[in-house]
């Protein structure tokens, strides 16, 4: 069941995510994805409010989208596997392909 702040169910999906404000030049991994956003585990994080260009390495090929950082936690690289560092990102215009990939209901 989603937490109080979560608006949609999260699905655990681990895909490579390239991200950056201008171009997706940094790398991280999705920890969970929903129809509204995702958590990206990464050492490099951006401040809340930053719009990021995202590229997800899906089995069907790369998928580009944009999102805005809603929270960010920094920490040492040793914390990366724990999920204690990274960013919460809300999608700005998720594609139908992304919705199918996460097996979430499409937006109304």
C-alpha atoms as a PDB file:
ATOM      1  CA  UNK A   1       0.000   0.000   0.000  1.00  0.00           C
ATOM      2  CA  UNK A   2       1.403   3.414  -0.909  1.00  0.00           C
ATOM      3  CA  UNK A   3       2.612   5.677   1.898  1.00  0.00           C
ATOM      4  CA  UNK A   4       0.534   8.756   2.655  1.00  0.00           C
ATOM      5  CA  UNK A   5       2.551  11.071   0.351  1.00  0.00           C
ATOM      6  CA  UNK A   6       2.620   8.573  -2.517  1.00  0.00           C
ATOM      7  CA  UNK A   7      -0.123   9.045  -5.058  1.00  0.00           C
ATOM      8  CA  UNK A   8       0.340   5.787  -6.942  1.00  0.00           C
ATOM      9  CA  UNK A   9       1.606   2.271  -6.355  1.00  0.00           C
ATOM     10  CA  UNK A  10       5.350   1.751  -6.704  1.00  0.00           C
ATOM     11  CA  UNK A  11       6.901  -1.125  -8.614  1.00  0.00           C
ATOM     12  CA  UNK A  12      10.417  -2.337  -7.914  1.00  0.00           C
ATOM     13  CA  UNK A  13      12.324  -1.960 -11.165  1.00  0.00           C
ATOM     14  CA  UNK A  14      16.083  -1.787 -11.521  1.00  0.00           C
ATOM     15  CA  UNK A  15      17.147  -0.125 -14.725  1.00  0.00           C
ATOM     16  CA  UNK A  16      20.110   2.061 -15.549  1.00  0.00           C
ATOM     17  CA  UNK A  17      19.096   5.730 -15.483  1.00  0.00           C
ATOM     18  CA  UNK A  18      21.204   8.441 -17.092  1.00  0.00           C
ATOM     19  CA  UNK A  19      20.279  11.917 -15.850  1.00  0.00           C
ATOM     20  CA  UNK A  20      21.300  15.556 -15.862  1.00  0.00           C
ATOM     21  CA  UNK A  21      19.834  19.046 -16.157  1.00  0.00           C
ATOM     22  CA  UNK A  22      21.148  19.664 -19.690  1.00  0.00           C
ATOM     23  CA  UNK A  23      22.005  16.188 -20.938  1.00  0.00           C
ATOM     24  CA  UNK A  24      21.733  12.817 -19.188  1.00  0.00           C
ATOM     25  CA  UNK A  25      25.451  12.508 -18.352  1.00  0.00           C
ATOM     26  CA  UNK A  26      25.315  11.093 -14.795  1.00  0.00           C
ATOM     27  CA  UNK A  27      24.363   7.524 -13.987  1.00  0.00           C
ATOM     28  CA  UNK A  28      22.204   5.865 -11.362  1.00  0.00           C
ATOM     29  CA  UNK A  29      19.748   3.009 -10.975  1.00  0.00           C
ATOM     30  CA  UNK A  30      16.019   3.049 -10.454  1.00  0.00           C
ATOM     31  CA  UNK A  31      14.977   1.513  -7.169  1.00  0.00           C
ATOM     32  CA  UNK A  32      11.246   1.851  -7.740  1.00  0.00           C
ATOM     33  CA  UNK A  33       9.015   3.361 -10.389  1.00  0.00           C
ATOM     34  CA  UNK A  34       5.372   4.421 -10.422  1.00  0.00           C
ATOM     35  CA  UNK A  35       3.144   6.106 -12.986  1.00  0.00           C
ATOM     36  CA  UNK A  36       4.035   9.447 -11.397  1.00  0.00           C
ATOM     37  CA  UNK A  37       7.751   9.152 -10.707  1.00  0.00           C
ATOM     38  CA  UNK A  38      10.727   7.153  -9.573  1.00  0.00           C
ATOM     39  CA  UNK A  39      13.446   6.857  -6.965  1.00  0.00           C
ATOM     40  CA  UNK A  40      16.938   6.952  -8.473  1.00  0.00           C
ATOM     41  CA  UNK A  41      19.783   5.613  -6.387  1.00  0.00           C
ATOM     42  CA  UNK A  42      22.812   7.752  -7.218  1.00  0.00           C
ATOM     43  CA  UNK A  43      25.818   9.396  -5.609  1.00  0.00           C
ATOM     44  CA  UNK A  44      25.315  12.570  -7.677  1.00  0.00           C
ATOM     45  CA  UNK A  45      22.080  14.293  -6.684  1.00  0.00           C
ATOM     46  CA  UNK A  46      20.460  17.595  -7.635  1.00  0.00           C
ATOM     47  CA  UNK A  47      18.505  20.029  -5.488  1.00  0.00           C
ATOM     48  CA  UNK A  48      14.719  19.748  -5.246  1.00  0.00           C
ATOM     49  CA  UNK A  49      13.065  21.726  -8.039  1.00  0.00           C
ATOM     50  CA  UNK A  50      15.755  20.862 -10.594  1.00  0.00           C
ATOM     51  CA  UNK A  51      14.336  19.645 -13.916  1.00  0.00           C
ATOM     52  CA  UNK A  52      16.290  16.638 -15.203  1.00  0.00           C
ATOM     53  CA  UNK A  53      16.599  15.006 -18.580  1.00  0.00           C
ATOM     54  CA  UNK A  54      16.261  11.253 -18.005  1.00  0.00           C
ATOM     55  CA  UNK A  55      17.201   8.303 -20.173  1.00  0.00           C
ATOM     56  CA  UNK A  56      16.176   4.846 -18.996  1.00  0.00           C
ATOM     57  CA  UNK A  57      17.978   1.824 -20.452  1.00  0.00           C
ATOM     58  CA  UNK A  58      15.009  -0.473 -21.107  1.00  0.00           C
ATOM     59  CA  UNK A  59      15.147  -3.897 -22.765  1.00  0.00           C
ATOM     60  CA  UNK A  60      13.291  -2.379 -25.739  1.00  0.00           C
ATOM     61  CA  UNK A  61      15.883   0.403 -26.014  1.00  0.00           C
ATOM     62  CA  UNK A  62      16.548   3.773 -24.401  1.00  0.00           C
ATOM     63  CA  UNK A  63      13.553   5.810 -23.290  1.00  0.00           C
ATOM     64  CA  UNK A  64      13.891   9.577 -22.752  1.00  0.00           C
ATOM     65  CA  UNK A  65      11.663  11.614 -20.490  1.00  0.00           C
ATOM     66  CA  UNK A  66      11.888  14.571 -18.119  1.00  0.00           C
ATOM     67  CA  UNK A  67      11.267  14.893 -14.422  1.00  0.00           C
ATOM     68  CA  UNK A  68      11.653  17.252 -11.508  1.00  0.00           C
ATOM     69  CA  UNK A  69      13.557  16.416  -8.316  1.00  0.00           C
ATOM     70  CA  UNK A  70      11.258  16.443  -5.285  1.00  0.00           C
ATOM     71  CA  UNK A  71      13.773  15.257  -2.676  1.00  0.00           C
ATOM     72  CA  UNK A  72      17.471  14.386  -2.578  1.00  0.00           C
ATOM     73  CA  UNK A  73      19.769  12.689  -0.063  1.00  0.00           C
ATOM     74  CA  UNK A  74      23.549  12.736  -0.347  1.00  0.00           C
ATOM     75  CA  UNK A  75      25.941  10.288   1.231  1.00  0.00           C
ATOM     76  CA  UNK A  76      28.964   8.098   0.667  1.00  0.00           C
ATOM     77  CA  UNK A  77      29.048   5.632  -2.198  1.00  0.00           C
ATOM     78  CA  UNK A  78      28.942   2.784   0.347  1.00  0.00           C
ATOM     79  CA  UNK A  79      25.322   3.725   1.074  1.00  0.00           C
ATOM     80  CA  UNK A  80      24.258   3.291  -2.562  1.00  0.00           C
ATOM     81  CA  UNK A  81      23.150  -0.371  -2.229  1.00  0.00           C
ATOM     82  CA  UNK A  82      21.043   0.477   0.833  1.00  0.00           C
ATOM     83  CA  UNK A  83      18.806   2.996  -0.932  1.00  0.00           C
ATOM     84  CA  UNK A  84      19.726   5.658   1.607  1.00  0.00           C
ATOM     85  CA  UNK A  85      21.042   8.065  -1.048  1.00  0.00           C
ATOM     86  CA  UNK A  86      19.537   9.295  -4.274  1.00  0.00           C
ATOM     87  CA  UNK A  87      16.608  11.356  -5.501  1.00  0.00           C
ATOM     88  CA  UNK A  88      12.856  11.189  -5.758  1.00  0.00           C
ATOM     89  CA  UNK A  89      11.777  12.388  -9.193  1.00  0.00           C
ATOM     90  CA  UNK A  90       8.297  13.241 -10.449  1.00  0.00           C
ATOM     91  CA  UNK A  91       7.780  12.689 -14.185  1.00  0.00           C
ATOM     92  CA  UNK A  92       6.674  15.791 -16.090  1.00  0.00           C
ATOM     93  CA  UNK A  93       5.207  14.002 -19.118  1.00  0.00           C
ATOM     94  CA  UNK A  94       5.504  10.204 -18.818  1.00  0.00           C
ATOM     95  CA  UNK A  95       5.099   8.352 -22.104  1.00  0.00           C
ATOM     96  CA  UNK A  96       2.743   5.443 -22.699  1.00  0.00           C
ATOM     97  CA  UNK A  97       5.791   3.210 -23.188  1.00  0.00           C
ATOM     98  CA  UNK A  98       7.023   4.089 -19.709  1.00  0.00           C
ATOM     99  CA  UNK A  99       3.627   3.314 -18.219  1.00  0.00           C
ATOM    100  CA  UNK A 100       3.606  -0.118 -19.863  1.00  0.00           C
ATOM    101  CA  UNK A 101       7.137  -0.758 -18.657  1.00  0.00           C
ATOM    102  CA  UNK A 102       6.298  -0.189 -15.007  1.00  0.00           C
ATOM    103  CA  UNK A 103       2.968  -2.043 -15.364  1.00  0.00           C
ATOM    104  CA  UNK A 104       1.166   0.869 -13.774  1.00  0.00           C
ATOM    105  CA  UNK A 105      -2.266   2.149 -14.804  1.00  0.00           C
ATOM    106  CA  UNK A 106      -2.129   4.933 -17.364  1.00  0.00           C
ATOM    107  CA  UNK A 107      -2.883   8.425 -16.205  1.00  0.00           C
ATOM    108  CA  UNK A 108      -6.527   9.468 -16.354  1.00  0.00           C
END
